Amino acid sequence: SLGTLSEKELLSDRATIARAALEKLRKTPFIDPDRIGLYGSSQASYVMGLLLENPENLSFVICWSCPMETSVDQTAYQIGQYLLCAGRDRNLAAKAAQSYRNSLLASDYVTYFRNASFLNQLPEVRDELGWGEITPEAAWKPLGPNSEEFLDPAQSFGQMDIPFLGLYGTLDKNIDPYQ
């Protein structure tokens, strides 16, 4: 990596970097190219999901605390869990999670603004997580269908036919254990 990544295509950029690293490993004389796999944690599941779209020459995958849902759903889950851990009630946590989903999935500014405003009123989301910013109408655009926010690693992982090890902690509040 040259250290410059596109914010809109962050995951794709990281997958390109990983592909280049895999190719370099395959050409290294003392490494068996038939025994190369992927290991990653957290956001790596999205990058590995992109790499698994063309899984040739991969022998295994190990995921440690990796989400297996879209980043929209993953972040909504994190917001709800964060509020619960902060002592907020379940109804507020569920409403905040849904408001986050609604704000990102909004097709019009009114829907976006209503949901983003609700999140902006929660100090835990706005100040502690830093996810309550409201985009001005002139700068707001709905997410396109190809947005990286909609990448679902579970689709790629579900189609692979190589060994997979997933490690998840039962008390992890960042990864939804039911996805």
N, C-alpha and C. Protein backbone atom coordinates (compact mmCIF):
# COMPACT_ATOMS: atom_id res chain seq x y z
N SER A 1 0.83 -1.18 0.00
CA SER A 1 0.00 0.00 0.00
C SER A 1 0.87 1.24 0.00
N LEU A 2 0.44 2.21 -0.72
CA LEU A 2 1.12 3.50 -0.71
C LEU A 2 0.55 4.41 0.38
N GLY A 3 -0.42 3.89 1.11
CA GLY A 3 -1.00 4.66 2.20
C GLY A 3 -2.14 5.57 1.79
N THR A 4 -2.49 5.58 0.54
CA THR A 4 -3.59 6.41 0.05
C THR A 4 -4.72 5.50 -0.39
N LEU A 5 -5.84 5.59 0.32
CA LEU A 5 -6.99 4.75 0.01
C LEU A 5 -8.20 5.63 -0.26
N SER A 6 -9.02 5.22 -1.19
CA SER A 6 -10.24 5.94 -1.52
C SER A 6 -11.27 5.70 -0.42
N GLU A 7 -11.91 6.75 0.03
CA GLU A 7 -12.93 6.57 1.07
C GLU A 7 -14.16 5.84 0.53
N LYS A 8 -14.51 6.09 -0.73
CA LYS A 8 -15.69 5.43 -1.31
C LYS A 8 -15.42 3.98 -1.69
N GLU A 9 -14.17 3.66 -1.97
CA GLU A 9 -13.82 2.30 -2.37
C GLU A 9 -12.73 1.73 -1.48
N LEU A 10 -12.82 2.01 -0.20
CA LEU A 10 -11.83 1.59 0.77
C LEU A 10 -11.62 0.07 0.77
N LEU A 11 -12.72 -0.66 0.78
CA LEU A 11 -12.62 -2.12 0.84
C LEU A 11 -12.06 -2.69 -0.45
N SER A 12 -12.48 -2.16 -1.57
CA SER A 12 -11.94 -2.60 -2.87
C SER A 12 -10.46 -2.30 -2.97
N ASP A 13 -10.05 -1.12 -2.49
CA ASP A 13 -8.63 -0.76 -2.49
C ASP A 13 -7.84 -1.76 -1.65
N ARG A 14 -8.36 -2.08 -0.47
CA ARG A 14 -7.67 -3.03 0.40
C ARG A 14 -7.61 -4.42 -0.23
N ALA A 15 -8.66 -4.81 -0.93
CA ALA A 15 -8.65 -6.11 -1.61
C ALA A 15 -7.60 -6.12 -2.72
N THR A 16 -7.45 -5.03 -3.43
CA THR A 16 -6.42 -4.93 -4.48
C THR A 16 -5.03 -5.08 -3.87
N ILE A 17 -4.81 -4.44 -2.73
CA ILE A 17 -3.52 -4.54 -2.04
C ILE A 17 -3.29 -5.98 -1.59
N ALA A 18 -4.32 -6.62 -1.05
CA ALA A 18 -4.18 -8.01 -0.59
C ALA A 18 -3.91 -8.95 -1.76
N ARG A 19 -4.58 -8.72 -2.90
CA ARG A 19 -4.33 -9.55 -4.08
C ARG A 19 -2.86 -9.46 -4.50
N ALA A 20 -2.33 -8.24 -4.49
CA ALA A 20 -0.92 -8.04 -4.87
C ALA A 20 0.00 -8.76 -3.88
N ALA A 21 -0.33 -8.71 -2.60
CA ALA A 21 0.48 -9.41 -1.59
C ALA A 21 0.42 -10.91 -1.79
N LEU A 22 -0.78 -11.44 -2.10
CA LEU A 22 -0.92 -12.87 -2.36
C LEU A 22 -0.08 -13.29 -3.56
N GLU A 23 -0.08 -12.49 -4.60
CA GLU A 23 0.72 -12.81 -5.80
C GLU A 23 2.21 -12.82 -5.46
N LYS A 24 2.63 -11.86 -4.65
CA LYS A 24 4.05 -11.83 -4.25
C LYS A 24 4.40 -13.07 -3.43
N LEU A 25 3.51 -13.48 -2.53
CA LEU A 25 3.75 -14.69 -1.74
C LEU A 25 3.86 -15.92 -2.64
N ARG A 26 2.96 -16.00 -3.64
CA ARG A 26 2.97 -17.16 -4.54
C ARG A 26 4.27 -17.28 -5.31
N LYS A 27 4.93 -16.16 -5.54
CA LYS A 27 6.17 -16.15 -6.31
C LYS A 27 7.42 -16.25 -5.43
N THR A 28 7.22 -16.30 -4.13
CA THR A 28 8.36 -16.41 -3.20
C THR A 28 8.82 -17.86 -3.16
N PRO A 29 10.10 -18.12 -3.45
CA PRO A 29 10.59 -19.50 -3.60
C PRO A 29 10.39 -20.41 -2.40
N PHE A 30 10.49 -19.91 -1.20
CA PHE A 30 10.40 -20.78 -0.02
C PHE A 30 8.99 -20.91 0.54
N ILE A 31 7.99 -20.40 -0.19
CA ILE A 31 6.59 -20.52 0.24
C ILE A 31 5.86 -21.44 -0.72
N ASP A 32 5.15 -22.41 -0.16
CA ASP A 32 4.35 -23.33 -0.97
C ASP A 32 3.09 -22.60 -1.43
N PRO A 33 2.94 -22.33 -2.71
CA PRO A 33 1.80 -21.56 -3.20
C PRO A 33 0.46 -22.29 -3.01
N ASP A 34 0.50 -23.59 -2.74
CA ASP A 34 -0.73 -24.34 -2.51
C ASP A 34 -1.17 -24.31 -1.06
N ARG A 35 -0.45 -23.60 -0.21
CA ARG A 35 -0.78 -23.56 1.21
C ARG A 35 -0.93 -22.12 1.70
N ILE A 36 -1.43 -21.26 0.85
CA ILE A 36 -1.65 -19.86 1.20
C ILE A 36 -3.13 -19.65 1.48
N GLY A 37 -3.40 -18.97 2.57
CA GLY A 37 -4.79 -18.69 2.93
C GLY A 37 -4.94 -17.27 3.44
N LEU A 38 -6.12 -16.99 3.95
CA LEU A 38 -6.44 -15.67 4.46
C LEU A 38 -6.71 -15.74 5.95
N TYR A 39 -6.23 -14.75 6.66
CA TYR A 39 -6.55 -14.58 8.08
C TYR A 39 -6.86 -13.11 8.29
N GLY A 40 -7.92 -12.82 9.02
CA GLY A 40 -8.23 -11.43 9.30
C GLY A 40 -9.25 -11.31 10.40
N SER A 41 -9.37 -10.09 10.89
CA SER A 41 -10.37 -9.82 11.91
C SER A 41 -11.16 -8.57 11.56
N SER A 42 -12.32 -8.49 12.13
CA SER A 42 -13.21 -7.34 12.02
C SER A 42 -13.50 -7.01 10.55
N GLN A 43 -13.17 -5.79 10.14
CA GLN A 43 -13.48 -5.32 8.79
C GLN A 43 -12.85 -6.19 7.70
N ALA A 44 -11.88 -7.00 8.07
CA ALA A 44 -11.24 -7.87 7.08
C ALA A 44 -12.24 -8.81 6.42
N SER A 45 -13.36 -9.10 7.08
CA SER A 45 -14.33 -10.00 6.45
C SER A 45 -14.85 -9.42 5.14
N TYR A 46 -14.98 -8.11 5.06
CA TYR A 46 -15.45 -7.49 3.82
C TYR A 46 -14.37 -7.60 2.73
N VAL A 47 -13.12 -7.37 3.12
CA VAL A 47 -12.01 -7.49 2.16
C VAL A 47 -11.86 -8.94 1.72
N MET A 48 -11.88 -9.87 2.68
CA MET A 48 -11.76 -11.29 2.34
C MET A 48 -12.94 -11.73 1.48
N GLY A 49 -14.12 -11.20 1.76
CA GLY A 49 -15.28 -11.52 0.94
C GLY A 49 -15.05 -11.14 -0.51
N LEU A 50 -14.42 -9.99 -0.74
CA LEU A 50 -14.09 -9.58 -2.11
C LEU A 50 -13.06 -10.52 -2.72
N LEU A 51 -12.08 -10.94 -1.93
CA LEU A 51 -11.06 -11.86 -2.45
C LEU A 51 -11.67 -13.23 -2.77
N LEU A 52 -12.68 -13.62 -2.02
CA LEU A 52 -13.31 -14.93 -2.24
C LEU A 52 -14.24 -14.96 -3.44
N GLU A 53 -14.47 -13.81 -4.05
CA GLU A 53 -15.24 -13.81 -5.30
C GLU A 53 -14.47 -14.57 -6.38
N ASN A 54 -13.15 -14.58 -6.26
CA ASN A 54 -12.26 -15.37 -7.14
C ASN A 54 -11.28 -16.12 -6.23
N PRO A 55 -11.71 -17.24 -5.66
CA PRO A 55 -10.91 -17.90 -4.62
C PRO A 55 -9.75 -18.76 -5.11
N GLU A 56 -9.42 -18.66 -6.39
CA GLU A 56 -8.35 -19.51 -6.90
C GLU A 56 -7.08 -19.34 -6.07
N ASN A 57 -6.42 -20.45 -5.85
CA ASN A 57 -5.15 -20.48 -5.14
C ASN A 57 -5.24 -20.11 -3.66
N LEU A 58 -6.40 -20.21 -3.06
CA LEU A 58 -6.51 -20.02 -1.61
C LEU A 58 -6.79 -21.37 -0.98
N SER A 59 -6.11 -21.65 0.12
CA SER A 59 -6.23 -22.96 0.77
C SER A 59 -7.14 -22.96 1.99
N PHE A 60 -7.32 -21.82 2.62
CA PHE A 60 -8.12 -21.75 3.84
C PHE A 60 -8.47 -20.30 4.15
N VAL A 61 -9.40 -20.13 5.08
CA VAL A 61 -9.76 -18.80 5.58
C VAL A 61 -9.95 -18.92 7.09
N ILE A 62 -9.36 -17.97 7.82
CA ILE A 62 -9.56 -17.87 9.26
C ILE A 62 -10.08 -16.47 9.56
N CYS A 63 -11.22 -16.41 10.23
CA CYS A 63 -11.83 -15.13 10.61
C CYS A 63 -11.91 -15.04 12.12
N TRP A 64 -11.46 -13.94 12.65
CA TRP A 64 -11.55 -13.71 14.08
C TRP A 64 -12.42 -12.47 14.29
N SER A 65 -13.58 -12.67 14.87
CA SER A 65 -14.51 -11.59 15.16
C SER A 65 -14.85 -10.80 13.89
N CYS A 66 -15.28 -11.51 12.87
CA CYS A 66 -15.62 -10.90 11.58
C CYS A 66 -17.13 -10.84 11.39
N PRO A 67 -17.66 -9.69 11.03
CA PRO A 67 -19.09 -9.62 10.73
C PRO A 67 -19.42 -10.38 9.46
N MET A 68 -20.58 -10.97 9.45
CA MET A 68 -21.07 -11.69 8.27
C MET A 68 -22.41 -11.11 7.85
N GLU A 69 -22.43 -9.80 7.71
CA GLU A 69 -23.60 -9.06 7.28
C GLU A 69 -23.11 -7.76 6.67
N THR A 70 -23.99 -7.01 6.04
CA THR A 70 -23.58 -5.74 5.43
C THR A 70 -23.07 -4.80 6.51
N SER A 71 -22.26 -3.85 6.11
CA SER A 71 -21.76 -2.90 7.11
C SER A 71 -22.88 -2.00 7.63
N VAL A 72 -23.93 -1.81 6.86
CA VAL A 72 -25.09 -1.07 7.36
C VAL A 72 -25.67 -1.80 8.56
N ASP A 73 -25.93 -3.10 8.41
CA ASP A 73 -26.49 -3.88 9.52
C ASP A 73 -25.50 -4.05 10.66
N GLN A 74 -24.23 -4.20 10.33
CA GLN A 74 -23.20 -4.37 11.36
C GLN A 74 -23.09 -3.11 12.22
N THR A 75 -23.06 -1.95 11.59
CA THR A 75 -22.94 -0.70 12.35
C THR A 75 -24.20 -0.43 13.14
N ALA A 76 -25.36 -0.75 12.58
CA ALA A 76 -26.61 -0.59 13.33
C ALA A 76 -26.57 -1.46 14.59
N TYR A 77 -26.09 -2.69 14.45
CA TYR A 77 -25.96 -3.58 15.61
C TYR A 77 -25.02 -2.98 16.65
N GLN A 78 -23.89 -2.45 16.19
CA GLN A 78 -22.92 -1.86 17.11
C GLN A 78 -23.52 -0.68 17.86
N ILE A 79 -24.28 0.15 17.18
CA ILE A 79 -24.91 1.30 17.83
C ILE A 79 -25.87 0.82 18.92
N GLY A 80 -26.70 -0.15 18.60
CA GLY A 80 -27.63 -0.68 19.59
C GLY A 80 -26.90 -1.27 20.79
N GLN A 81 -25.86 -2.05 20.54
CA GLN A 81 -25.09 -2.66 21.63
C GLN A 81 -24.37 -1.61 22.46
N TYR A 82 -23.85 -0.58 21.82
CA TYR A 82 -23.15 0.48 22.53
C TYR A 82 -24.10 1.19 23.49
N LEU A 83 -25.31 1.45 23.01
CA LEU A 83 -26.29 2.12 23.87
C LEU A 83 -26.70 1.22 25.04
N LEU A 84 -26.88 -0.07 24.79
CA LEU A 84 -27.20 -0.99 25.87
C LEU A 84 -26.08 -1.03 26.91
N CYS A 85 -24.84 -1.08 26.44
CA CYS A 85 -23.71 -1.10 27.37
C CYS A 85 -23.59 0.21 28.15
N ALA A 86 -24.10 1.29 27.58
CA ALA A 86 -24.08 2.60 28.26
C ALA A 86 -25.25 2.75 29.23
N GLY A 87 -26.09 1.70 29.33
CA GLY A 87 -27.19 1.73 30.28
C GLY A 87 -28.52 2.22 29.71
N ARG A 88 -28.56 2.46 28.40
CA ARG A 88 -29.81 2.89 27.77
C ARG A 88 -30.74 1.69 27.66
N ASP A 89 -32.06 1.97 27.54
CA ASP A 89 -33.02 0.86 27.48
C ASP A 89 -33.09 0.25 26.08
N ARG A 90 -33.63 -0.97 26.03
CA ARG A 90 -33.69 -1.76 24.79
C ARG A 90 -34.47 -1.07 23.68
N ASN A 91 -35.56 -0.39 24.04
CA ASN A 91 -36.37 0.28 23.02
C ASN A 91 -35.59 1.39 22.34
N LEU A 92 -34.86 2.17 23.13
CA LEU A 92 -34.05 3.24 22.55
C LEU A 92 -32.93 2.66 21.68
N ALA A 93 -32.29 1.60 22.18
CA ALA A 93 -31.21 0.97 21.42
C ALA A 93 -31.73 0.43 20.09
N ALA A 94 -32.89 -0.20 20.11
CA ALA A 94 -33.48 -0.75 18.88
C ALA A 94 -33.86 0.38 17.92
N LYS A 95 -34.43 1.47 18.47
CA LYS A 95 -34.82 2.60 17.63
C LYS A 95 -33.59 3.26 17.01
N ALA A 96 -32.51 3.38 17.77
CA ALA A 96 -31.28 3.97 17.24
C ALA A 96 -30.69 3.09 16.14
N ALA A 97 -30.68 1.78 16.35
CA ALA A 97 -30.17 0.87 15.33
C ALA A 97 -30.99 1.00 14.05
N GLN A 98 -32.31 1.04 14.19
CA GLN A 98 -33.17 1.17 13.02
C GLN A 98 -33.01 2.54 12.36
N SER A 99 -32.83 3.57 13.15
CA SER A 99 -32.62 4.91 12.59
C SER A 99 -31.34 4.97 11.78
N TYR A 100 -30.31 4.28 12.26
CA TYR A 100 -29.06 4.24 11.49
C TYR A 100 -29.32 3.56 10.14
N ARG A 101 -29.96 2.40 10.18
CA ARG A 101 -30.29 1.70 8.91
C ARG A 101 -31.08 2.62 7.99
N ASN A 102 -32.14 3.23 8.54
CA ASN A 102 -33.00 4.08 7.74
C ASN A 102 -32.25 5.27 7.15
N SER A 103 -31.32 5.84 7.91
CA SER A 103 -30.60 7.00 7.40
C SER A 103 -29.69 6.60 6.23
N LEU A 104 -29.06 5.43 6.32
CA LEU A 104 -28.19 5.00 5.24
C LEU A 104 -28.96 4.47 4.03
N LEU A 105 -30.11 3.90 4.27
CA LEU A 105 -30.90 3.33 3.18
C LEU A 105 -31.89 4.32 2.58
N ALA A 106 -31.94 5.52 3.12
CA ALA A 106 -32.91 6.52 2.66
C ALA A 106 -32.73 6.84 1.19
N SER A 107 -33.86 6.99 0.50
CA SER A 107 -33.82 7.38 -0.90
C SER A 107 -34.16 8.86 -1.09
N ASP A 108 -34.54 9.52 0.01
CA ASP A 108 -34.84 10.95 -0.06
C ASP A 108 -34.25 11.64 1.18
N TYR A 109 -34.00 12.94 1.05
CA TYR A 109 -33.34 13.67 2.13
C TYR A 109 -34.20 13.78 3.38
N VAL A 110 -35.51 13.91 3.24
CA VAL A 110 -36.39 14.03 4.41
C VAL A 110 -36.26 12.80 5.30
N THR A 111 -36.30 11.62 4.71
CA THR A 111 -36.15 10.38 5.48
C THR A 111 -34.77 10.31 6.12
N TYR A 112 -33.75 10.62 5.34
CA TYR A 112 -32.39 10.64 5.87
C TYR A 112 -32.31 11.59 7.06
N PHE A 113 -32.76 12.82 6.87
CA PHE A 113 -32.61 13.86 7.89
C PHE A 113 -33.34 13.50 9.19
N ARG A 114 -34.55 12.98 9.06
CA ARG A 114 -35.32 12.59 10.25
C ARG A 114 -34.56 11.55 11.08
N ASN A 115 -34.01 10.55 10.42
CA ASN A 115 -33.29 9.48 11.11
C ASN A 115 -31.93 9.94 11.62
N ALA A 116 -31.21 10.70 10.81
CA ALA A 116 -29.90 11.20 11.24
C ALA A 116 -30.05 12.17 12.40
N SER A 117 -31.12 12.95 12.41
CA SER A 117 -31.36 13.90 13.51
C SER A 117 -31.61 13.16 14.82
N PHE A 118 -32.35 12.06 14.75
CA PHE A 118 -32.58 11.26 15.96
C PHE A 118 -31.24 10.77 16.51
N LEU A 119 -30.37 10.24 15.65
CA LEU A 119 -29.06 9.76 16.10
C LEU A 119 -28.21 10.89 16.65
N ASN A 120 -28.30 12.07 16.03
CA ASN A 120 -27.51 13.22 16.44
C ASN A 120 -27.89 13.69 17.85
N GLN A 121 -29.09 13.37 18.30
CA GLN A 121 -29.54 13.76 19.64
C GLN A 121 -28.99 12.84 20.73
N LEU A 122 -28.41 11.72 20.35
CA LEU A 122 -27.89 10.77 21.33
C LEU A 122 -26.39 11.04 21.53
N PRO A 123 -25.99 11.53 22.71
CA PRO A 123 -24.58 11.86 22.92
C PRO A 123 -23.64 10.67 22.72
N GLU A 124 -24.10 9.47 23.04
CA GLU A 124 -23.24 8.29 22.85
C GLU A 124 -22.92 8.08 21.37
N VAL A 125 -23.91 8.29 20.52
CA VAL A 125 -23.71 8.10 19.08
C VAL A 125 -22.95 9.29 18.50
N ARG A 126 -23.38 10.48 18.86
CA ARG A 126 -22.79 11.71 18.29
C ARG A 126 -21.37 11.94 18.80
N ASP A 127 -21.17 11.91 20.12
CA ASP A 127 -19.89 12.33 20.70
C ASP A 127 -18.92 11.18 20.91
N GLU A 128 -19.42 10.05 21.38
CA GLU A 128 -18.53 8.94 21.71
C GLU A 128 -18.18 8.09 20.49
N LEU A 129 -19.19 7.74 19.70
CA LEU A 129 -18.94 6.95 18.49
C LEU A 129 -18.58 7.83 17.29
N GLY A 130 -19.05 9.07 17.30
CA GLY A 130 -18.77 9.97 16.19
C GLY A 130 -19.58 9.66 14.94
N TRP A 131 -20.76 9.04 15.13
CA TRP A 131 -21.59 8.64 13.99
C TRP A 131 -22.89 9.41 13.89
N GLY A 132 -22.98 10.56 14.51
CA GLY A 132 -24.24 11.30 14.49
C GLY A 132 -24.22 12.53 13.60
N GLU A 133 -23.20 12.65 12.77
CA GLU A 133 -23.09 13.82 11.90
C GLU A 133 -24.23 13.87 10.89
N ILE A 134 -24.72 15.06 10.63
CA ILE A 134 -25.79 15.24 9.65
C ILE A 134 -25.20 15.89 8.40
N THR A 135 -25.35 15.24 7.28
CA THR A 135 -24.87 15.77 6.01
C THR A 135 -25.86 16.82 5.51
N PRO A 136 -25.38 18.00 5.13
CA PRO A 136 -26.29 19.02 4.59
C PRO A 136 -26.96 18.52 3.30
N GLU A 137 -28.15 19.01 3.04
CA GLU A 137 -28.93 18.52 1.89
C GLU A 137 -28.17 18.68 0.58
N ALA A 138 -27.46 19.80 0.41
CA ALA A 138 -26.74 20.03 -0.85
C ALA A 138 -25.64 18.99 -1.10
N ALA A 139 -25.12 18.40 -0.03
CA ALA A 139 -24.03 17.43 -0.17
C ALA A 139 -24.51 15.98 -0.06
N TRP A 140 -25.77 15.78 0.33
CA TRP A 140 -26.28 14.43 0.56
C TRP A 140 -26.65 13.74 -0.75
N LYS A 141 -26.30 12.47 -0.86
CA LYS A 141 -26.72 11.63 -1.98
C LYS A 141 -27.09 10.27 -1.42
N PRO A 142 -28.15 9.65 -1.94
CA PRO A 142 -28.45 8.29 -1.47
C PRO A 142 -27.35 7.33 -1.89
N LEU A 143 -27.18 6.29 -1.11
CA LEU A 143 -26.20 5.27 -1.47
C LEU A 143 -26.65 4.56 -2.74
N GLY A 144 -25.72 4.33 -3.62
CA GLY A 144 -26.04 3.58 -4.83
C GLY A 144 -26.04 2.09 -4.54
N PRO A 145 -26.65 1.30 -5.42
CA PRO A 145 -26.75 -0.14 -5.18
C PRO A 145 -25.39 -0.85 -5.13
N ASN A 146 -24.36 -0.22 -5.68
CA ASN A 146 -23.02 -0.83 -5.66
C ASN A 146 -22.14 -0.29 -4.53
N SER A 147 -22.74 0.44 -3.62
CA SER A 147 -21.97 0.99 -2.52
C SER A 147 -21.36 -0.13 -1.67
N GLU A 148 -20.15 0.11 -1.18
CA GLU A 148 -19.50 -0.88 -0.33
C GLU A 148 -20.28 -1.13 0.96
N GLU A 149 -21.17 -0.24 1.31
CA GLU A 149 -21.99 -0.42 2.51
C GLU A 149 -22.89 -1.65 2.39
N PHE A 150 -23.12 -2.10 1.15
CA PHE A 150 -24.01 -3.24 0.92
C PHE A 150 -23.27 -4.55 0.70
N LEU A 151 -21.93 -4.53 0.77
CA LEU A 151 -21.18 -5.78 0.63
C LEU A 151 -21.58 -6.72 1.77
N ASP A 152 -21.89 -7.94 1.44
CA ASP A 152 -22.27 -8.93 2.44
C ASP A 152 -21.30 -10.10 2.35
N PRO A 153 -20.31 -10.14 3.25
CA PRO A 153 -19.31 -11.21 3.17
C PRO A 153 -19.90 -12.60 3.30
N ALA A 154 -21.05 -12.73 3.96
CA ALA A 154 -21.65 -14.06 4.13
C ALA A 154 -21.94 -14.71 2.78
N GLN A 155 -22.27 -13.91 1.78
CA GLN A 155 -22.53 -14.47 0.45
C GLN A 155 -21.28 -15.14 -0.12
N SER A 156 -20.15 -14.44 -0.04
CA SER A 156 -18.90 -15.01 -0.57
C SER A 156 -18.44 -16.19 0.27
N PHE A 157 -18.51 -16.05 1.59
CA PHE A 157 -18.07 -17.12 2.47
C PHE A 157 -18.95 -18.35 2.31
N GLY A 158 -20.23 -18.14 2.05
CA GLY A 158 -21.15 -19.26 1.89
C GLY A 158 -20.93 -20.06 0.63
N GLN A 159 -20.22 -19.50 -0.33
CA GLN A 159 -20.01 -20.18 -1.60
C GLN A 159 -18.63 -20.82 -1.73
N MET A 160 -17.77 -20.63 -0.73
CA MET A 160 -16.41 -21.18 -0.86
C MET A 160 -16.39 -22.66 -0.50
N ASP A 161 -15.42 -23.36 -1.04
CA ASP A 161 -15.29 -24.79 -0.75
C ASP A 161 -13.90 -25.12 -0.22
N ILE A 162 -13.36 -24.20 0.59
CA ILE A 162 -12.08 -24.43 1.25
C ILE A 162 -12.32 -24.38 2.76
N PRO A 163 -11.41 -24.92 3.56
CA PRO A 163 -11.60 -24.91 5.01
C PRO A 163 -11.76 -23.50 5.57
N PHE A 164 -12.67 -23.38 6.53
CA PHE A 164 -12.98 -22.10 7.17
C PHE A 164 -12.99 -22.28 8.68
N LEU A 165 -12.34 -21.38 9.39
CA LEU A 165 -12.39 -21.34 10.84
C LEU A 165 -12.85 -19.95 11.24
N GLY A 166 -13.97 -19.89 11.94
CA GLY A 166 -14.48 -18.62 12.44
C GLY A 166 -14.41 -18.60 13.95
N LEU A 167 -13.77 -17.60 14.51
CA LEU A 167 -13.61 -17.47 15.95
C LEU A 167 -14.40 -16.25 16.43
N TYR A 168 -15.35 -16.49 17.34
CA TYR A 168 -16.20 -15.43 17.86
C TYR A 168 -16.29 -15.55 19.37
N GLY A 169 -16.20 -14.43 20.06
CA GLY A 169 -16.34 -14.42 21.51
C GLY A 169 -17.80 -14.25 21.91
N THR A 170 -18.23 -14.99 22.89
CA THR A 170 -19.64 -14.91 23.30
C THR A 170 -19.99 -13.57 23.91
N LEU A 171 -19.02 -12.83 24.40
CA LEU A 171 -19.30 -11.54 25.01
C LEU A 171 -18.95 -10.36 24.10
N ASP A 172 -18.62 -10.63 22.86
CA ASP A 172 -18.27 -9.58 21.90
C ASP A 172 -19.52 -8.76 21.57
N LYS A 173 -19.49 -7.49 21.85
CA LYS A 173 -20.64 -6.61 21.59
C LYS A 173 -20.54 -5.92 20.23
N ASN A 174 -19.50 -6.21 19.49
CA ASN A 174 -19.32 -5.55 18.18
C ASN A 174 -19.82 -6.39 17.02
N ILE A 175 -19.88 -7.71 17.20
CA ILE A 175 -20.26 -8.61 16.11
C ILE A 175 -21.55 -9.31 16.50
N ASP A 176 -22.53 -9.26 15.63
CA ASP A 176 -23.81 -9.91 15.88
C ASP A 176 -23.62 -11.42 15.79
N PRO A 177 -23.77 -12.13 16.91
CA PRO A 177 -23.52 -13.58 16.90
C PRO A 177 -24.58 -14.38 16.13
N TYR A 178 -25.67 -13.74 15.76
CA TYR A 178 -26.76 -14.47 15.09
C TYR A 178 -26.73 -14.29 13.58
N GLN A 179 -25.72 -13.61 13.07
CA GLN A 179 -25.61 -13.42 11.62
C GLN A 179 -24.63 -14.38 11.03
